[in-house]
Amino acid sequence: MHQPGETTQDRRRRRTVIVLTVVAVVLWAVAVALATLVLVLIARLPGSDPDRTARGLVIAAGAFTTFALPAVGATIGAVSARLARARDTDM
């Protein structure tokens, strides 16, 4: 949907903001869900192991970080694209 008086550059900026926002939300959701899933699955393993909790937390932290780092980049990109669009400057 084109707004009256909107240029091609404005549409491109709007699409960039939308795409980066969607990517950031998806990456954050996957990071949290995957870390939670890893913790639940490790907690359900049979047997007793005194170091299971520590290893589970390390694995969950690694799973979270795998998706959180790109999510941080996408979040920063979305915010800067939004600010550039609001200020009407080039990205």
PDB file of N, CA and C in Angstrom:
ATOM      1  N   MET A   1       0.830  -1.170   0.000  1.00  0.00           N
ATOM      2  CA  MET A   1       0.000   0.000   0.000  1.00  0.00           C
ATOM      3  C   MET A   1       0.883   1.245   0.000  1.00  0.00           C
ATOM      4  N   HIS A   2       0.798   1.982  -1.058  1.00  0.00           N
ATOM      5  CA  HIS A   2       1.600   3.191  -1.170  1.00  0.00           C
ATOM      6  C   HIS A   2       0.855   4.366  -0.577  1.00  0.00           C
ATOM      7  N   GLN A   3       1.570   5.145   0.168  1.00  0.00           N
ATOM      8  CA  GLN A   3       0.988   6.341   0.740  1.00  0.00           C
ATOM      9  C   GLN A   3       1.197   7.490  -0.233  1.00  0.00           C
ATOM     10  N   PRO A   4       0.286   8.448  -0.263  1.00  0.00           N
ATOM     11  CA  PRO A   4       0.443   9.578  -1.190  1.00  0.00           C
ATOM     12  C   PRO A   4       1.730  10.343  -0.910  1.00  0.00           C
ATOM     13  N   GLY A   5       2.453  10.651  -1.955  1.00  0.00           N
ATOM     14  CA  GLY A   5       3.685  11.409  -1.835  1.00  0.00           C
ATOM     15  C   GLY A   5       4.887  10.593  -1.392  1.00  0.00           C
ATOM     16  N   GLU A   6       4.731   9.276  -1.321  1.00  0.00           N
ATOM     17  CA  GLU A   6       5.826   8.425  -0.873  1.00  0.00           C
ATOM     18  C   GLU A   6       6.741   8.092  -2.054  1.00  0.00           C
ATOM     19  N   THR A   7       8.024   8.250  -1.861  1.00  0.00           N
ATOM     20  CA  THR A   7       8.981   7.968  -2.923  1.00  0.00           C
ATOM     21  C   THR A   7       9.428   6.513  -2.855  1.00  0.00           C
ATOM     22  N   THR A   8      10.150   6.093  -3.868  1.00  0.00           N
ATOM     23  CA  THR A   8      10.684   4.734  -3.899  1.00  0.00           C
ATOM     24  C   THR A   8      11.638   4.498  -2.733  1.00  0.00           C
ATOM     25  N   GLN A   9      12.409   5.489  -2.405  1.00  0.00           N
ATOM     26  CA  GLN A   9      13.344   5.363  -1.285  1.00  0.00           C
ATOM     27  C   GLN A   9      12.585   5.215   0.032  1.00  0.00           C
ATOM     28  N   ASP A  10      11.477   5.909   0.198  1.00  0.00           N
ATOM     29  CA  ASP A  10      10.670   5.774   1.417  1.00  0.00           C
ATOM     30  C   ASP A  10      10.099   4.365   1.538  1.00  0.00           C
ATOM     31  N   ARG A  11       9.630   3.824   0.424  1.00  0.00           N
ATOM     32  CA  ARG A  11       9.083   2.458   0.440  1.00  0.00           C
ATOM     33  C   ARG A  11      10.175   1.448   0.778  1.00  0.00           C
ATOM     34  N   ARG A  12      11.359   1.651   0.209  1.00  0.00           N
ATOM     35  CA  ARG A  12      12.477   0.751   0.474  1.00  0.00           C
ATOM     36  C   ARG A  12      12.865   0.806   1.954  1.00  0.00           C
ATOM     37  N   ARG A  13      12.901   1.988   2.518  1.00  0.00           N
ATOM     38  CA  ARG A  13      13.229   2.129   3.946  1.00  0.00           C
ATOM     39  C   ARG A  13      12.164   1.462   4.815  1.00  0.00           C
ATOM     40  N   ARG A  14      10.902   1.642   4.450  1.00  0.00           N
ATOM     41  CA  ARG A  14       9.829   1.030   5.228  1.00  0.00           C
ATOM     42  C   ARG A  14       9.938  -0.491   5.181  1.00  0.00           C
ATOM     43  N   ARG A  15      10.202  -1.046   4.008  1.00  0.00           N
ATOM     44  CA  ARG A  15      10.373  -2.492   3.886  1.00  0.00           C
ATOM     45  C   ARG A  15      11.570  -2.976   4.687  1.00  0.00           C
ATOM     46  N   THR A  16      12.652  -2.214   4.675  1.00  0.00           N
ATOM     47  CA  THR A  16      13.843  -2.582   5.436  1.00  0.00           C
ATOM     48  C   THR A  16      13.531  -2.642   6.927  1.00  0.00           C
ATOM     49  N   VAL A  17      12.811  -1.645   7.414  1.00  0.00           N
ATOM     50  CA  VAL A  17      12.431  -1.618   8.834  1.00  0.00           C
ATOM     51  C   VAL A  17      11.560  -2.819   9.170  1.00  0.00           C
ATOM     52  N   ILE A  18      10.595  -3.122   8.333  1.00  0.00           N
ATOM     53  CA  ILE A  18       9.688  -4.242   8.592  1.00  0.00           C
ATOM     54  C   ILE A  18      10.446  -5.565   8.581  1.00  0.00           C
ATOM     55  N   VAL A  19      11.281  -5.779   7.591  1.00  0.00           N
ATOM     56  CA  VAL A  19      12.026  -7.040   7.492  1.00  0.00           C
ATOM     57  C   VAL A  19      12.970  -7.212   8.673  1.00  0.00           C
ATOM     58  N   LEU A  20      13.712  -6.175   9.013  1.00  0.00           N
ATOM     59  CA  LEU A  20      14.641  -6.276  10.144  1.00  0.00           C
ATOM     60  C   LEU A  20      13.906  -6.503  11.463  1.00  0.00           C
ATOM     61  N   THR A  21      12.753  -5.890  11.627  1.00  0.00           N
ATOM     62  CA  THR A  21      11.971  -6.091  12.843  1.00  0.00           C
ATOM     63  C   THR A  21      11.462  -7.519  12.938  1.00  0.00           C
ATOM     64  N   VAL A  22      10.951  -8.055  11.844  1.00  0.00           N
ATOM     65  CA  VAL A  22      10.462  -9.439  11.836  1.00  0.00           C
ATOM     66  C   VAL A  22      11.606 -10.413  12.109  1.00  0.00           C
ATOM     67  N   VAL A  23      12.743 -10.195  11.470  1.00  0.00           N
ATOM     68  CA  VAL A  23      13.900 -11.065  11.688  1.00  0.00           C
ATOM     69  C   VAL A  23      14.351 -11.012  13.147  1.00  0.00           C
ATOM     70  N   ALA A  24      14.389  -9.818  13.722  1.00  0.00           N
ATOM     71  CA  ALA A  24      14.812  -9.675  15.120  1.00  0.00           C
ATOM     72  C   ALA A  24      13.850 -10.395  16.058  1.00  0.00           C
ATOM     73  N   VAL A  25      12.565 -10.228  15.846  1.00  0.00           N
ATOM     74  CA  VAL A  25      11.566 -10.880  16.710  1.00  0.00           C
ATOM     75  C   VAL A  25      11.674 -12.397  16.607  1.00  0.00           C
ATOM     76  N   VAL A  26      11.806 -12.904  15.397  1.00  0.00           N
ATOM     77  CA  VAL A  26      11.912 -14.351  15.206  1.00  0.00           C
ATOM     78  C   VAL A  26      13.180 -14.893  15.867  1.00  0.00           C
ATOM     79  N   LEU A  27      14.293 -14.222  15.680  1.00  0.00           N
ATOM     80  CA  LEU A  27      15.546 -14.695  16.283  1.00  0.00           C
ATOM     81  C   LEU A  27      15.483 -14.669  17.806  1.00  0.00           C
ATOM     82  N   TRP A  28      14.915 -13.616  18.394  1.00  0.00           N
ATOM     83  CA  TRP A  28      14.791 -13.574  19.848  1.00  0.00           C
ATOM     84  C   TRP A  28      13.874 -14.685  20.348  1.00  0.00           C
ATOM     85  N   ALA A  29      12.768 -14.908  19.646  1.00  0.00           N
ATOM     86  CA  ALA A  29      11.837 -15.965  20.059  1.00  0.00           C
ATOM     87  C   ALA A  29      12.495 -17.338  19.981  1.00  0.00           C
ATOM     88  N   VAL A  30      13.234 -17.599  18.912  1.00  0.00           N
ATOM     89  CA  VAL A  30      13.923 -18.887  18.768  1.00  0.00           C
ATOM     90  C   VAL A  30      14.991 -19.034  19.846  1.00  0.00           C
ATOM     91  N   ALA A  31      15.711 -17.976  20.152  1.00  0.00           N
ATOM     92  CA  ALA A  31      16.760 -18.048  21.173  1.00  0.00           C
ATOM     93  C   ALA A  31      16.179 -18.441  22.523  1.00  0.00           C
ATOM     94  N   VAL A  32      15.107 -17.800  22.918  1.00  0.00           N
ATOM     95  CA  VAL A  32      14.497 -18.102  24.220  1.00  0.00           C
ATOM     96  C   VAL A  32      13.866 -19.489  24.216  1.00  0.00           C
ATOM     97  N   ALA A  33      13.142 -19.814  23.145  1.00  0.00           N
ATOM     98  CA  ALA A  33      12.461 -21.117  23.076  1.00  0.00           C
ATOM     99  C   ALA A  33      13.468 -22.262  23.040  1.00  0.00           C
ATOM    100  N   LEU A  34      14.536 -22.117  22.283  1.00  0.00           N
ATOM    101  CA  LEU A  34      15.521 -23.185  22.178  1.00  0.00           C
ATOM    102  C   LEU A  34      16.253 -23.405  23.506  1.00  0.00           C
ATOM    103  N   ALA A  35      16.620 -22.332  24.181  1.00  0.00           N
ATOM    104  CA  ALA A  35      17.281 -22.476  25.472  1.00  0.00           C
ATOM    105  C   ALA A  35      16.364 -23.155  26.484  1.00  0.00           C
ATOM    106  N   THR A  36      15.102 -22.772  26.477  1.00  0.00           N
ATOM    107  CA  THR A  36      14.129 -23.399  27.379  1.00  0.00           C
ATOM    108  C   THR A  36      13.944 -24.872  27.045  1.00  0.00           C
ATOM    109  N   LEU A  37      13.830 -25.181  25.771  1.00  0.00           N
ATOM    110  CA  LEU A  37      13.657 -26.566  25.334  1.00  0.00           C
ATOM    111  C   LEU A  37      14.860 -27.419  25.740  1.00  0.00           C
ATOM    112  N   VAL A  38      16.047 -26.899  25.573  1.00  0.00           N
ATOM    113  CA  VAL A  38      17.254 -27.637  25.957  1.00  0.00           C
ATOM    114  C   VAL A  38      17.249 -27.922  27.453  1.00  0.00           C
ATOM    115  N   LEU A  39      16.907 -26.937  28.261  1.00  0.00           N
ATOM    116  CA  LEU A  39      16.864 -27.149  29.708  1.00  0.00           C
ATOM    117  C   LEU A  39      15.824 -28.192  30.097  1.00  0.00           C
ATOM    118  N   VAL A  40      14.671 -28.148  29.468  1.00  0.00           N
ATOM    119  CA  VAL A  40      13.608 -29.119  29.778  1.00  0.00           C
ATOM    120  C   VAL A  40      14.031 -30.522  29.364  1.00  0.00           C
ATOM    121  N   LEU A  41      14.598 -30.655  28.177  1.00  0.00           N
ATOM    122  CA  LEU A  41      15.005 -31.978  27.710  1.00  0.00           C
ATOM    123  C   LEU A  41      16.125 -32.568  28.571  1.00  0.00           C
ATOM    124  N   ILE A  42      17.067 -31.755  28.954  1.00  0.00           N
ATOM    125  CA  ILE A  42      18.159 -32.253  29.798  1.00  0.00           C
ATOM    126  C   ILE A  42      17.632 -32.623  31.185  1.00  0.00           C
ATOM    127  N   ALA A  43      16.690 -31.876  31.702  1.00  0.00           N
ATOM    128  CA  ALA A  43      16.131 -32.183  33.019  1.00  0.00           C
ATOM    129  C   ALA A  43      15.356 -33.498  33.014  1.00  0.00           C
ATOM    130  N   ARG A  44      14.817 -33.879  31.874  1.00  0.00           N
ATOM    131  CA  ARG A  44      14.028 -35.112  31.773  1.00  0.00           C
ATOM    132  C   ARG A  44      14.857 -36.360  31.509  1.00  0.00           C
ATOM    133  N   LEU A  45      16.145 -36.221  31.342  1.00  0.00           N
ATOM    134  CA  LEU A  45      16.986 -37.390  31.091  1.00  0.00           C
ATOM    135  C   LEU A  45      16.953 -38.324  32.302  1.00  0.00           C
ATOM    136  N   PRO A  46      16.934 -39.625  32.046  1.00  0.00           N
ATOM    137  CA  PRO A  46      16.901 -40.562  33.174  1.00  0.00           C
ATOM    138  C   PRO A  46      18.255 -40.647  33.880  1.00  0.00           C
ATOM    139  N   GLY A  47      18.219 -41.139  35.091  1.00  0.00           N
ATOM    140  CA  GLY A  47      19.456 -41.312  35.849  1.00  0.00           C
ATOM    141  C   GLY A  47      19.792 -40.087  36.665  1.00  0.00           C
ATOM    142  N   SER A  48      20.821 -40.256  37.476  1.00  0.00           N
ATOM    143  CA  SER A  48      21.240 -39.117  38.301  1.00  0.00           C
ATOM    144  C   SER A  48      22.683 -38.781  37.958  1.00  0.00           C
ATOM    145  N   ASP A  49      22.916 -37.523  37.812  1.00  0.00           N
ATOM    146  CA  ASP A  49      24.251 -37.032  37.489  1.00  0.00           C
ATOM    147  C   ASP A  49      24.416 -35.696  38.210  1.00  0.00           C
ATOM    148  N   PRO A  50      25.362 -35.592  39.125  1.00  0.00           N
ATOM    149  CA  PRO A  50      25.504 -34.352  39.886  1.00  0.00           C
ATOM    150  C   PRO A  50      25.915 -33.144  39.039  1.00  0.00           C
ATOM    151  N   ASP A  51      26.550 -33.377  37.924  1.00  0.00           N
ATOM    152  CA  ASP A  51      26.990 -32.268  37.070  1.00  0.00           C
ATOM    153  C   ASP A  51      26.015 -31.955  35.932  1.00  0.00           C
ATOM    154  N   ARG A  52      24.883 -32.620  35.915  1.00  0.00           N
ATOM    155  CA  ARG A  52      23.924 -32.440  34.819  1.00  0.00           C
ATOM    156  C   ARG A  52      23.428 -30.999  34.745  1.00  0.00           C
ATOM    157  N   THR A  53      23.140 -30.410  35.868  1.00  0.00           N
ATOM    158  CA  THR A  53      22.619 -29.039  35.876  1.00  0.00           C
ATOM    159  C   THR A  53      23.629 -28.068  35.280  1.00  0.00           C
ATOM    160  N   ALA A  54      24.871 -28.191  35.678  1.00  0.00           N
ATOM    161  CA  ALA A  54      25.909 -27.286  35.169  1.00  0.00           C
ATOM    162  C   ALA A  54      26.094 -27.459  33.659  1.00  0.00           C
ATOM    163  N   ARG A  55      26.156 -28.702  33.215  1.00  0.00           N
ATOM    164  CA  ARG A  55      26.313 -28.944  31.769  1.00  0.00           C
ATOM    165  C   ARG A  55      25.086 -28.476  31.009  1.00  0.00           C
ATOM    166  N   GLY A  56      23.905 -28.691  31.576  1.00  0.00           N
ATOM    167  CA  GLY A  56      22.668 -28.244  30.927  1.00  0.00           C
ATOM    168  C   GLY A  56      22.626 -26.737  30.759  1.00  0.00           C
ATOM    169  N   LEU A  57      23.077 -26.021  31.777  1.00  0.00           N
ATOM    170  CA  LEU A  57      23.100 -24.562  31.683  1.00  0.00           C
ATOM    171  C   LEU A  57      24.101 -24.071  30.643  1.00  0.00           C
ATOM    172  N   VAL A  58      25.234 -24.751  30.558  1.00  0.00           N
ATOM    173  CA  VAL A  58      26.230 -24.364  29.548  1.00  0.00           C
ATOM    174  C   VAL A  58      25.690 -24.607  28.143  1.00  0.00           C
ATOM    175  N   ILE A  59      25.058 -25.746  27.941  1.00  0.00           N
ATOM    176  CA  ILE A  59      24.494 -26.059  26.626  1.00  0.00           C
ATOM    177  C   ILE A  59      23.365 -25.087  26.286  1.00  0.00           C
ATOM    178  N   ALA A  60      22.495 -24.799  27.252  1.00  0.00           N
ATOM    179  CA  ALA A  60      21.394 -23.859  27.015  1.00  0.00           C
ATOM    180  C   ALA A  60      21.912 -22.454  26.726  1.00  0.00           C
ATOM    181  N   ALA A  61      22.959 -22.048  27.439  1.00  0.00           N
ATOM    182  CA  ALA A  61      23.548 -20.727  27.191  1.00  0.00           C
ATOM    183  C   ALA A  61      24.145 -20.656  25.787  1.00  0.00           C
ATOM    184  N   GLY A  62      24.787 -21.735  25.359  1.00  0.00           N
ATOM    185  CA  GLY A  62      25.321 -21.774  24.000  1.00  0.00           C
ATOM    186  C   GLY A  62      24.228 -21.721  22.954  1.00  0.00           C
ATOM    187  N   ALA A  63      23.139 -22.447  23.192  1.00  0.00           N
ATOM    188  CA  ALA A  63      22.011 -22.425  22.253  1.00  0.00           C
ATOM    189  C   ALA A  63      21.388 -21.034  22.194  1.00  0.00           C
ATOM    190  N   PHE A  64      21.244 -20.403  23.345  1.00  0.00           N
ATOM    191  CA  PHE A  64      20.686 -19.050  23.387  1.00  0.00           C
ATOM    192  C   PHE A  64      21.592 -18.069  22.654  1.00  0.00           C
ATOM    193  N   THR A  65      22.883 -18.139  22.926  1.00  0.00           N
ATOM    194  CA  THR A  65      23.836 -17.204  22.331  1.00  0.00           C
ATOM    195  C   THR A  65      23.900 -17.344  20.815  1.00  0.00           C
ATOM    196  N   THR A  66      23.728 -18.567  20.330  1.00  0.00           N
ATOM    197  CA  THR A  66      23.766 -18.812  18.890  1.00  0.00           C
ATOM    198  C   THR A  66      22.730 -17.970  18.148  1.00  0.00           C
ATOM    199  N   PHE A  67      21.565 -17.794  18.743  1.00  0.00           N
ATOM    200  CA  PHE A  67      20.524 -17.003  18.098  1.00  0.00           C
ATOM    201  C   PHE A  67      20.454 -15.575  18.637  1.00  0.00           C
ATOM    202  N   ALA A  68      20.931 -15.354  19.854  1.00  0.00           N
ATOM    203  CA  ALA A  68      20.853 -14.018  20.441  1.00  0.00           C
ATOM    204  C   ALA A  68      21.814 -13.039  19.777  1.00  0.00           C
ATOM    205  N   LEU A  69      22.998 -13.498  19.402  1.00  0.00           N
ATOM    206  CA  LEU A  69      23.956 -12.585  18.767  1.00  0.00           C
ATOM    207  C   LEU A  69      23.439 -12.028  17.438  1.00  0.00           C
ATOM    208  N   PRO A  70      22.927 -12.871  16.533  1.00  0.00           N
ATOM    209  CA  PRO A  70      22.333 -12.287  15.324  1.00  0.00           C
ATOM    210  C   PRO A  70      21.094 -11.438  15.623  1.00  0.00           C
ATOM    211  N   ALA A  71      20.354 -11.807  16.682  1.00  0.00           N
ATOM    212  CA  ALA A  71      19.172 -11.030  17.047  1.00  0.00           C
ATOM    213  C   ALA A  71      19.565  -9.628  17.504  1.00  0.00           C
ATOM    214  N   VAL A  72      20.688  -9.516  18.202  1.00  0.00           N
ATOM    215  CA  VAL A  72      21.170  -8.200  18.620  1.00  0.00           C
ATOM    216  C   VAL A  72      21.495  -7.350  17.395  1.00  0.00           C
ATOM    217  N   GLY A  73      22.167  -7.952  16.432  1.00  0.00           N
ATOM    218  CA  GLY A  73      22.479  -7.229  15.198  1.00  0.00           C
ATOM    219  C   GLY A  73      21.239  -6.794  14.442  1.00  0.00           C
ATOM    220  N   ALA A  74      20.262  -7.678  14.346  1.00  0.00           N
ATOM    221  CA  ALA A  74      19.015  -7.335  13.655  1.00  0.00           C
ATOM    222  C   ALA A  74      18.246  -6.257  14.414  1.00  0.00           C
ATOM    223  N   THR A  75      18.285  -6.307  15.733  1.00  0.00           N
ATOM    224  CA  THR A  75      17.606  -5.297  16.538  1.00  0.00           C
ATOM    225  C   THR A  75      18.255  -3.924  16.354  1.00  0.00           C
ATOM    226  N   ILE A  76      19.577  -3.892  16.399  1.00  0.00           N
ATOM    227  CA  ILE A  76      20.289  -2.632  16.183  1.00  0.00           C
ATOM    228  C   ILE A  76      20.014  -2.106  14.776  1.00  0.00           C
ATOM    229  N   GLY A  77      20.021  -2.993  13.788  1.00  0.00           N
ATOM    230  CA  GLY A  77      19.729  -2.579  12.419  1.00  0.00           C
ATOM    231  C   GLY A  77      18.320  -2.036  12.261  1.00  0.00           C
ATOM    232  N   ALA A  78      17.355  -2.683  12.903  1.00  0.00           N
ATOM    233  CA  ALA A  78      15.973  -2.223  12.817  1.00  0.00           C
ATOM    234  C   ALA A  78      15.801  -0.859  13.471  1.00  0.00           C
ATOM    235  N   VAL A  79      16.426  -0.673  14.619  1.00  0.00           N
ATOM    236  CA  VAL A  79      16.322   0.617  15.314  1.00  0.00           C
ATOM    237  C   VAL A  79      16.996   1.721  14.503  1.00  0.00           C
ATOM    238  N   SER A  80      18.181   1.444  13.980  1.00  0.00           N
ATOM    239  CA  SER A  80      18.875   2.477  13.206  1.00  0.00           C
ATOM    240  C   SER A  80      18.147   2.775  11.899  1.00  0.00           C
ATOM    241  N   ALA A  81      17.570   1.753  11.271  1.00  0.00           N
ATOM    242  CA  ALA A  81      16.791   1.990  10.052  1.00  0.00           C
ATOM    243  C   ALA A  81      15.544   2.799  10.360  1.00  0.00           C
ATOM    244  N   ARG A  82      14.925   2.513  11.492  1.00  0.00           N
ATOM    245  CA  ARG A  82      13.734   3.261  11.897  1.00  0.00           C
ATOM    246  C   ARG A  82      14.089   4.718  12.184  1.00  0.00           C
ATOM    247  N   LEU A  83      15.193   4.931  12.880  1.00  0.00           N
ATOM    248  CA  LEU A  83      15.621   6.304  13.165  1.00  0.00           C
ATOM    249  C   LEU A  83      16.005   7.043  11.889  1.00  0.00           C
ATOM    250  N   ALA A  84      16.676   6.366  10.982  1.00  0.00           N
ATOM    251  CA  ALA A  84      17.048   6.998   9.704  1.00  0.00           C
ATOM    252  C   ALA A  84      15.801   7.348   8.900  1.00  0.00           C
ATOM    253  N   ARG A  85      14.812   6.480   8.939  1.00  0.00           N
ATOM    254  CA  ARG A  85      13.564   6.754   8.218  1.00  0.00           C
ATOM    255  C   ARG A  85      12.839   7.934   8.852  1.00  0.00           C
ATOM    256  N   ALA A  86      12.858   7.993  10.198  1.00  0.00           N
ATOM    257  CA  ALA A  86      12.186   9.092  10.887  1.00  0.00           C
ATOM    258  C   ALA A  86      12.901  10.427  10.626  1.00  0.00           C
ATOM    259  N   ARG A  87      14.216  10.377  10.519  1.00  0.00           N
ATOM    260  CA  ARG A  87      14.984  11.609  10.271  1.00  0.00           C
ATOM    261  C   ARG A  87      15.091  11.915   8.789  1.00  0.00           C
ATOM    262  N   ASP A  88      14.636  10.970   7.954  1.00  0.00           N
ATOM    263  CA  ASP A  88      14.685  11.114   6.510  1.00  0.00           C
ATOM    264  C   ASP A  88      16.113  11.309   6.016  1.00  0.00           C
ATOM    265  N   THR A  89      17.010  10.415   6.503  1.00  0.00           N
ATOM    266  CA  THR A  89      18.390  10.427   6.049  1.00  0.00           C
ATOM    267  C   THR A  89      18.719   9.064   5.472  1.00  0.00           C
ATOM    268  N   ASP A  90      19.843   8.969   4.792  1.00  0.00           N
ATOM    269  CA  ASP A  90      20.272   7.700   4.240  1.00  0.00           C
ATOM    270  C   ASP A  90      20.779   6.786   5.337  1.00  0.00           C
ATOM    271  N   MET A  91      20.614   5.480   5.107  1.00  0.00           N
ATOM    272  CA  MET A  91      21.104   4.483   6.058  1.00  0.00           C
ATOM    273  C   MET A  91      22.535   4.164   5.734  1.00  0.00           C
TER     274      MET A  91
END
